[in-house]
Amino acid sequence: MTIMENIQNSAAVRNYRQGYLVWLGAHKAAFELAQGGFNKLMNGREELVEELVQKGAAVEETVQSNVSGFFGRTE
């Protein structure tokens, strides 16, 4: 066995490679997770926009009633 084969078969090199593969796999999993979320967002964007419009309208209504109540008070 040559010195290069000894190095390639050493525990340190195997552990380093395994760590590298874990790092690489974690990045791939994160990318797939983000890509899935993005695809879900793009496919459901009309529903999302409608939901946000409804929430905005509710906030606007609350603010308008609070403002008119505040200015309508007499002290």
PDB file of N, CA and C in Angstrom:
ATOM      1  N   MET A   1       0.843  -1.171   0.000  1.00  0.00           N
ATOM      2  CA  MET A   1       0.000   0.000   0.000  1.00  0.00           C
ATOM      3  C   MET A   1       0.892   1.240   0.000  1.00  0.00           C
ATOM      4  N   THR A   2       0.517   2.197  -0.841  1.00  0.00           N
ATOM      5  CA  THR A   2       1.320   3.414  -0.931  1.00  0.00           C
ATOM      6  C   THR A   2       0.895   4.407   0.143  1.00  0.00           C
ATOM      7  N   ILE A   3       1.704   5.427   0.284  1.00  0.00           N
ATOM      8  CA  ILE A   3       1.408   6.475   1.272  1.00  0.00           C
ATOM      9  C   ILE A   3       0.082   7.148   0.936  1.00  0.00           C
ATOM     10  N   MET A   4      -0.200   7.390  -0.340  1.00  0.00           N
ATOM     11  CA  MET A   4      -1.440   8.042  -0.748  1.00  0.00           C
ATOM     12  C   MET A   4      -2.644   7.183  -0.391  1.00  0.00           C
ATOM     13  N   GLU A   5      -2.565   5.895  -0.588  1.00  0.00           N
ATOM     14  CA  GLU A   5      -3.661   4.998  -0.224  1.00  0.00           C
ATOM     15  C   GLU A   5      -3.882   5.002   1.282  1.00  0.00           C
ATOM     16  N   ASN A   6      -2.795   5.057   2.044  1.00  0.00           N
ATOM     17  CA  ASN A   6      -2.906   5.114   3.499  1.00  0.00           C
ATOM     18  C   ASN A   6      -3.637   6.391   3.939  1.00  0.00           C
ATOM     19  N   ILE A   7      -3.295   7.485   3.282  1.00  0.00           N
ATOM     20  CA  ILE A   7      -3.941   8.755   3.631  1.00  0.00           C
ATOM     21  C   ILE A   7      -5.423   8.701   3.264  1.00  0.00           C
ATOM     22  N   GLN A   8      -5.736   8.227   2.063  1.00  0.00           N
ATOM     23  CA  GLN A   8      -7.125   8.177   1.603  1.00  0.00           C
ATOM     24  C   GLN A   8      -7.981   7.236   2.452  1.00  0.00           C
ATOM     25  N   ASN A   9      -7.380   6.211   3.000  1.00  0.00           N
ATOM     26  CA  ASN A   9      -8.122   5.243   3.805  1.00  0.00           C
ATOM     27  C   ASN A   9      -8.088   5.562   5.296  1.00  0.00           C
ATOM     28  N   SER A  10      -7.490   6.664   5.662  1.00  0.00           N
ATOM     29  CA  SER A  10      -7.371   6.993   7.083  1.00  0.00           C
ATOM     30  C   SER A  10      -8.719   7.423   7.657  1.00  0.00           C
ATOM     31  N   ALA A  11      -8.878   7.275   8.957  1.00  0.00           N
ATOM     32  CA  ALA A  11     -10.114   7.652   9.646  1.00  0.00           C
ATOM     33  C   ALA A  11     -10.348   9.151   9.547  1.00  0.00           C
ATOM     34  N   ALA A  12      -9.285   9.931   9.594  1.00  0.00           N
ATOM     35  CA  ALA A  12      -9.426  11.389   9.527  1.00  0.00           C
ATOM     36  C   ALA A  12     -10.036  11.816   8.196  1.00  0.00           C
ATOM     37  N   VAL A  13      -9.578  11.223   7.111  1.00  0.00           N
ATOM     38  CA  VAL A  13     -10.104  11.571   5.792  1.00  0.00           C
ATOM     39  C   VAL A  13     -11.544  11.110   5.660  1.00  0.00           C
ATOM     40  N   ARG A  14     -11.856   9.911   6.150  1.00  0.00           N
ATOM     41  CA  ARG A  14     -13.246   9.419   6.106  1.00  0.00           C
ATOM     42  C   ARG A  14     -14.166  10.334   6.915  1.00  0.00           C
ATOM     43  N   ASN A  15     -13.727  10.747   8.091  1.00  0.00           N
ATOM     44  CA  ASN A  15     -14.539  11.632   8.931  1.00  0.00           C
ATOM     45  C   ASN A  15     -14.718  13.011   8.287  1.00  0.00           C
ATOM     46  N   TYR A  16     -13.650  13.526   7.697  1.00  0.00           N
ATOM     47  CA  TYR A  16     -13.746  14.809   7.009  1.00  0.00           C
ATOM     48  C   TYR A  16     -14.745  14.725   5.864  1.00  0.00           C
ATOM     49  N   ARG A  17     -14.643  13.667   5.061  1.00  0.00           N
ATOM     50  CA  ARG A  17     -15.556  13.498   3.928  1.00  0.00           C
ATOM     51  C   ARG A  17     -16.998  13.363   4.404  1.00  0.00           C
ATOM     52  N   GLN A  18     -17.206  12.620   5.478  1.00  0.00           N
ATOM     53  CA  GLN A  18     -18.559  12.450   6.012  1.00  0.00           C
ATOM     54  C   GLN A  18     -19.109  13.806   6.487  1.00  0.00           C
ATOM     55  N   GLY A  19     -18.278  14.589   7.152  1.00  0.00           N
ATOM     56  CA  GLY A  19     -18.702  15.923   7.581  1.00  0.00           C
ATOM     57  C   GLY A  19     -19.039  16.810   6.406  1.00  0.00           C
ATOM     58  N   TYR A  20     -18.223  16.743   5.371  1.00  0.00           N
ATOM     59  CA  TYR A  20     -18.479  17.520   4.163  1.00  0.00           C
ATOM     60  C   TYR A  20     -19.803  17.117   3.531  1.00  0.00           C
ATOM     61  N   LEU A  21     -20.071  15.810   3.470  1.00  0.00           N
ATOM     62  CA  LEU A  21     -21.319  15.340   2.880  1.00  0.00           C
ATOM     63  C   LEU A  21     -22.527  15.756   3.718  1.00  0.00           C
ATOM     64  N   VAL A  22     -22.369  15.785   5.033  1.00  0.00           N
ATOM     65  CA  VAL A  22     -23.448  16.274   5.903  1.00  0.00           C
ATOM     66  C   VAL A  22     -23.722  17.747   5.596  1.00  0.00           C
ATOM     67  N   TRP A  23     -22.687  18.550   5.509  1.00  0.00           N
ATOM     68  CA  TRP A  23     -22.820  19.975   5.199  1.00  0.00           C
ATOM     69  C   TRP A  23     -23.511  20.164   3.845  1.00  0.00           C
ATOM     70  N   LEU A  24     -23.065  19.420   2.857  1.00  0.00           N
ATOM     71  CA  LEU A  24     -23.636  19.514   1.520  1.00  0.00           C
ATOM     72  C   LEU A  24     -25.102  19.092   1.527  1.00  0.00           C
ATOM     73  N   GLY A  25     -25.420  18.014   2.222  1.00  0.00           N
ATOM     74  CA  GLY A  25     -26.802  17.545   2.309  1.00  0.00           C
ATOM     75  C   GLY A  25     -27.703  18.540   3.022  1.00  0.00           C
ATOM     76  N   ALA A  26     -27.189  19.190   4.060  1.00  0.00           N
ATOM     77  CA  ALA A  26     -27.980  20.187   4.787  1.00  0.00           C
ATOM     78  C   ALA A  26     -28.305  21.369   3.878  1.00  0.00           C
ATOM     79  N   HIS A  27     -27.374  21.791   3.068  1.00  0.00           N
ATOM     80  CA  HIS A  27     -27.636  22.887   2.146  1.00  0.00           C
ATOM     81  C   HIS A  27     -28.652  22.495   1.081  1.00  0.00           C
ATOM     82  N   LYS A  28     -28.563  21.278   0.604  1.00  0.00           N
ATOM     83  CA  LYS A  28     -29.541  20.802  -0.394  1.00  0.00           C
ATOM     84  C   LYS A  28     -30.927  20.737   0.229  1.00  0.00           C
ATOM     85  N   ALA A  29     -31.032  20.243   1.461  1.00  0.00           N
ATOM     86  CA  ALA A  29     -32.324  20.153   2.138  1.00  0.00           C
ATOM     87  C   ALA A  29     -32.909  21.551   2.359  1.00  0.00           C
ATOM     88  N   ALA A  30     -32.083  22.513   2.749  1.00  0.00           N
ATOM     89  CA  ALA A  30     -32.552  23.885   2.950  1.00  0.00           C
ATOM     90  C   ALA A  30     -33.034  24.486   1.632  1.00  0.00           C
ATOM     91  N   PHE A  31     -32.333  24.232   0.560  1.00  0.00           N
ATOM     92  CA  PHE A  31     -32.734  24.741  -0.752  1.00  0.00           C
ATOM     93  C   PHE A  31     -34.068  24.146  -1.167  1.00  0.00           C
ATOM     94  N   GLU A  32     -34.227  22.838  -0.983  1.00  0.00           N
ATOM     95  CA  GLU A  32     -35.482  22.186  -1.350  1.00  0.00           C
ATOM     96  C   GLU A  32     -36.643  22.714  -0.518  1.00  0.00           C
ATOM     97  N   LEU A  33     -36.405  22.952   0.759  1.00  0.00           N
ATOM     98  CA  LEU A  33     -37.439  23.501   1.630  1.00  0.00           C
ATOM     99  C   LEU A  33     -37.846  24.898   1.167  1.00  0.00           C
ATOM    100  N   ALA A  34     -36.863  25.732   0.872  1.00  0.00           N
ATOM    101  CA  ALA A  34     -37.148  27.090   0.402  1.00  0.00           C
ATOM    102  C   ALA A  34     -37.848  27.055  -0.951  1.00  0.00           C
ATOM    103  N   GLN A  35     -37.425  26.176  -1.818  1.00  0.00           N
ATOM    104  CA  GLN A  35     -38.026  26.082  -3.147  1.00  0.00           C
ATOM    105  C   GLN A  35     -39.482  25.626  -3.040  1.00  0.00           C
ATOM    106  N   GLY A  36     -39.748  24.681  -2.150  1.00  0.00           N
ATOM    107  CA  GLY A  36     -41.124  24.222  -1.947  1.00  0.00           C
ATOM    108  C   GLY A  36     -42.008  25.343  -1.438  1.00  0.00           C
ATOM    109  N   GLY A  37     -41.512  26.130  -0.487  1.00  0.00           N
ATOM    110  CA  GLY A  37     -42.267  27.264   0.025  1.00  0.00           C
ATOM    111  C   GLY A  37     -42.522  28.307  -1.046  1.00  0.00           C
ATOM    112  N   PHE A  38     -41.525  28.566  -1.871  1.00  0.00           N
ATOM    113  CA  PHE A  38     -41.679  29.537  -2.953  1.00  0.00           C
ATOM    114  C   PHE A  38     -42.721  29.054  -3.949  1.00  0.00           C
ATOM    115  N   ASN A  39     -42.664  27.776  -4.314  1.00  0.00           N
ATOM    116  CA  ASN A  39     -43.645  27.239  -5.264  1.00  0.00           C
ATOM    117  C   ASN A  39     -45.051  27.307  -4.686  1.00  0.00           C
ATOM    118  N   LYS A  40     -45.181  27.006  -3.413  1.00  0.00           N
ATOM    119  CA  LYS A  40     -46.489  27.083  -2.754  1.00  0.00           C
ATOM    120  C   LYS A  40     -46.998  28.523  -2.766  1.00  0.00           C
ATOM    121  N   LEU A  41     -46.123  29.467  -2.497  1.00  0.00           N
ATOM    122  CA  LEU A  41     -46.496  30.879  -2.524  1.00  0.00           C
ATOM    123  C   LEU A  41     -46.933  31.303  -3.921  1.00  0.00           C
ATOM    124  N   MET A  42     -46.194  30.909  -4.930  1.00  0.00           N
ATOM    125  CA  MET A  42     -46.532  31.306  -6.295  1.00  0.00           C
ATOM    126  C   MET A  42     -47.850  30.686  -6.739  1.00  0.00           C
ATOM    127  N   ASN A  43     -48.119  29.447  -6.354  1.00  0.00           N
ATOM    128  CA  ASN A  43     -49.354  28.789  -6.752  1.00  0.00           C
ATOM    129  C   ASN A  43     -50.563  29.349  -6.005  1.00  0.00           C
ATOM    130  N   GLY A  44     -50.365  29.839  -4.794  1.00  0.00           N
ATOM    131  CA  GLY A  44     -51.469  30.341  -4.002  1.00  0.00           C
ATOM    132  C   GLY A  44     -51.472  31.843  -3.853  1.00  0.00           C
ATOM    133  N   ARG A  45     -50.832  32.558  -4.763  1.00  0.00           N
ATOM    134  CA  ARG A  45     -50.687  34.006  -4.596  1.00  0.00           C
ATOM    135  C   ARG A  45     -52.018  34.745  -4.655  1.00  0.00           C
ATOM    136  N   GLU A  46     -52.973  34.276  -5.452  1.00  0.00           N
ATOM    137  CA  GLU A  46     -54.261  34.960  -5.527  1.00  0.00           C
ATOM    138  C   GLU A  46     -54.986  34.876  -4.189  1.00  0.00           C
ATOM    139  N   GLU A  47     -54.958  33.690  -3.576  1.00  0.00           N
ATOM    140  CA  GLU A  47     -55.577  33.533  -2.263  1.00  0.00           C
ATOM    141  C   GLU A  47     -54.855  34.379  -1.216  1.00  0.00           C
ATOM    142  N   LEU A  48     -53.530  34.428  -1.322  1.00  0.00           N
ATOM    143  CA  LEU A  48     -52.744  35.221  -0.389  1.00  0.00           C
ATOM    144  C   LEU A  48     -53.083  36.703  -0.515  1.00  0.00           C
ATOM    145  N   VAL A  49     -53.191  37.195  -1.738  1.00  0.00           N
ATOM    146  CA  VAL A  49     -53.526  38.602  -1.954  1.00  0.00           C
ATOM    147  C   VAL A  49     -54.907  38.898  -1.386  1.00  0.00           C
ATOM    148  N   GLU A  50     -55.864  38.026  -1.635  1.00  0.00           N
ATOM    149  CA  GLU A  50     -57.218  38.244  -1.120  1.00  0.00           C
ATOM    150  C   GLU A  50     -57.224  38.252   0.409  1.00  0.00           C
ATOM    151  N   GLU A  51     -56.468  37.334   1.016  1.00  0.00           N
ATOM    152  CA  GLU A  51     -56.380  37.291   2.479  1.00  0.00           C
ATOM    153  C   GLU A  51     -55.752  38.575   3.032  1.00  0.00           C
ATOM    154  N   LEU A  52     -54.713  39.057   2.384  1.00  0.00           N
ATOM    155  CA  LEU A  52     -54.063  40.286   2.835  1.00  0.00           C
ATOM    156  C   LEU A  52     -54.968  41.505   2.654  1.00  0.00           C
ATOM    157  N   VAL A  53     -55.752  41.531   1.581  1.00  0.00           N
ATOM    158  CA  VAL A  53     -56.695  42.631   1.376  1.00  0.00           C
ATOM    159  C   VAL A  53     -57.738  42.633   2.483  1.00  0.00           C
ATOM    160  N   GLN A  54     -58.236  41.455   2.840  1.00  0.00           N
ATOM    161  CA  GLN A  54     -59.233  41.359   3.915  1.00  0.00           C
ATOM    162  C   GLN A  54     -58.651  41.833   5.249  1.00  0.00           C
ATOM    163  N   LYS A  55     -57.431  41.425   5.542  1.00  0.00           N
ATOM    164  CA  LYS A  55     -56.797  41.856   6.785  1.00  0.00           C
ATOM    165  C   LYS A  55     -56.556  43.362   6.786  1.00  0.00           C
ATOM    166  N   GLY A  56     -56.144  43.904   5.661  1.00  0.00           N
ATOM    167  CA  GLY A  56     -55.929  45.340   5.552  1.00  0.00           C
ATOM    168  C   GLY A  56     -57.228  46.113   5.737  1.00  0.00           C
ATOM    169  N   ALA A  57     -58.303  45.598   5.173  1.00  0.00           N
ATOM    170  CA  ALA A  57     -59.598  46.256   5.323  1.00  0.00           C
ATOM    171  C   ALA A  57     -60.042  46.240   6.779  1.00  0.00           C
ATOM    172  N   ALA A  58     -59.796  45.139   7.480  1.00  0.00           N
ATOM    173  CA  ALA A  58     -60.157  45.050   8.893  1.00  0.00           C
ATOM    174  C   ALA A  58     -59.354  46.055   9.722  1.00  0.00           C
ATOM    175  N   VAL A  59     -58.077  46.189   9.433  1.00  0.00           N
ATOM    176  CA  VAL A  59     -57.243  47.155  10.153  1.00  0.00           C
ATOM    177  C   VAL A  59     -57.727  48.570   9.867  1.00  0.00           C
ATOM    178  N   GLU A  60     -58.014  48.857   8.603  1.00  0.00           N
ATOM    179  CA  GLU A  60     -58.491  50.187   8.228  1.00  0.00           C
ATOM    180  C   GLU A  60     -59.795  50.520   8.955  1.00  0.00           C
ATOM    181  N   GLU A  61     -60.693  49.567   9.007  1.00  0.00           N
ATOM    182  CA  GLU A  61     -61.975  49.784   9.690  1.00  0.00           C
ATOM    183  C   GLU A  61     -61.762  50.061  11.175  1.00  0.00           C
ATOM    184  N   THR A  62     -60.876  49.303  11.810  1.00  0.00           N
ATOM    185  CA  THR A  62     -60.587  49.500  13.229  1.00  0.00           C
ATOM    186  C   THR A  62     -60.002  50.885  13.471  1.00  0.00           C
ATOM    187  N   VAL A  63     -59.071  51.288  12.638  1.00  0.00           N
ATOM    188  CA  VAL A  63     -58.428  52.591  12.796  1.00  0.00           C
ATOM    189  C   VAL A  63     -59.446  53.713  12.589  1.00  0.00           C
ATOM    190  N   GLN A  64     -60.277  53.594  11.573  1.00  0.00           N
ATOM    191  CA  GLN A  64     -61.264  54.636  11.305  1.00  0.00           C
ATOM    192  C   GLN A  64     -62.247  54.770  12.465  1.00  0.00           C
ATOM    193  N   SER A  65     -62.681  53.650  13.026  1.00  0.00           N
ATOM    194  CA  SER A  65     -63.622  53.742  14.140  1.00  0.00           C
ATOM    195  C   SER A  65     -62.938  54.316  15.381  1.00  0.00           C
ATOM    196  N   ASN A  66     -61.676  53.983  15.605  1.00  0.00           N
ATOM    197  CA  ASN A  66     -60.937  54.534  16.751  1.00  0.00           C
ATOM    198  C   ASN A  66     -60.697  56.038  16.585  1.00  0.00           C
ATOM    199  N   VAL A  67     -60.376  56.453  15.377  1.00  0.00           N
ATOM    200  CA  VAL A  67     -60.113  57.868  15.135  1.00  0.00           C
ATOM    201  C   VAL A  67     -61.407  58.669  15.266  1.00  0.00           C
ATOM    202  N   SER A  68     -62.496  58.183  14.684  1.00  0.00           N
ATOM    203  CA  SER A  68     -63.750  58.930  14.775  1.00  0.00           C
ATOM    204  C   SER A  68     -64.247  58.948  16.213  1.00  0.00           C
ATOM    205  N   GLY A  69     -64.012  57.871  16.956  1.00  0.00           N
ATOM    206  CA  GLY A  69     -64.382  57.856  18.370  1.00  0.00           C
ATOM    207  C   GLY A  69     -63.553  58.825  19.180  1.00  0.00           C
ATOM    208  N   PHE A  70     -62.298  58.952  18.833  1.00  0.00           N
ATOM    209  CA  PHE A  70     -61.402  59.857  19.567  1.00  0.00           C
ATOM    210  C   PHE A  70     -61.797  61.318  19.316  1.00  0.00           C
ATOM    211  N   PHE A  71     -62.037  61.671  18.061  1.00  0.00           N
ATOM    212  CA  PHE A  71     -62.361  63.052  17.734  1.00  0.00           C
ATOM    213  C   PHE A  71     -63.825  63.394  18.030  1.00  0.00           C
ATOM    214  N   GLY A  72     -64.655  62.396  18.229  1.00  0.00           N
ATOM    215  CA  GLY A  72     -66.055  62.642  18.512  1.00  0.00           C
ATOM    216  C   GLY A  72     -66.318  62.842  20.003  1.00  0.00           C
ATOM    217  N   ARG A  73     -65.292  62.675  20.848  1.00  0.00           N
ATOM    218  CA  ARG A  73     -65.475  62.827  22.293  1.00  0.00           C
ATOM    219  C   ARG A  73     -65.643  64.275  22.696  1.00  0.00           C
ATOM    220  N   THR A  74     -66.382  64.464  23.763  1.00  0.00           N
ATOM    221  CA  THR A  74     -66.454  65.791  24.367  1.00  0.00           C
ATOM    222  C   THR A  74     -65.940  65.669  25.776  1.00  0.00           C
ATOM    223  N   GLU A  75     -65.202  66.647  26.168  1.00  0.00           N
ATOM    224  CA  GLU A  75     -64.625  66.581  27.533  1.00  0.00           C
ATOM    225  C   GLU A  75     -65.251  67.576  28.444  1.00  0.00           C
TER     226      GLU A  75
END
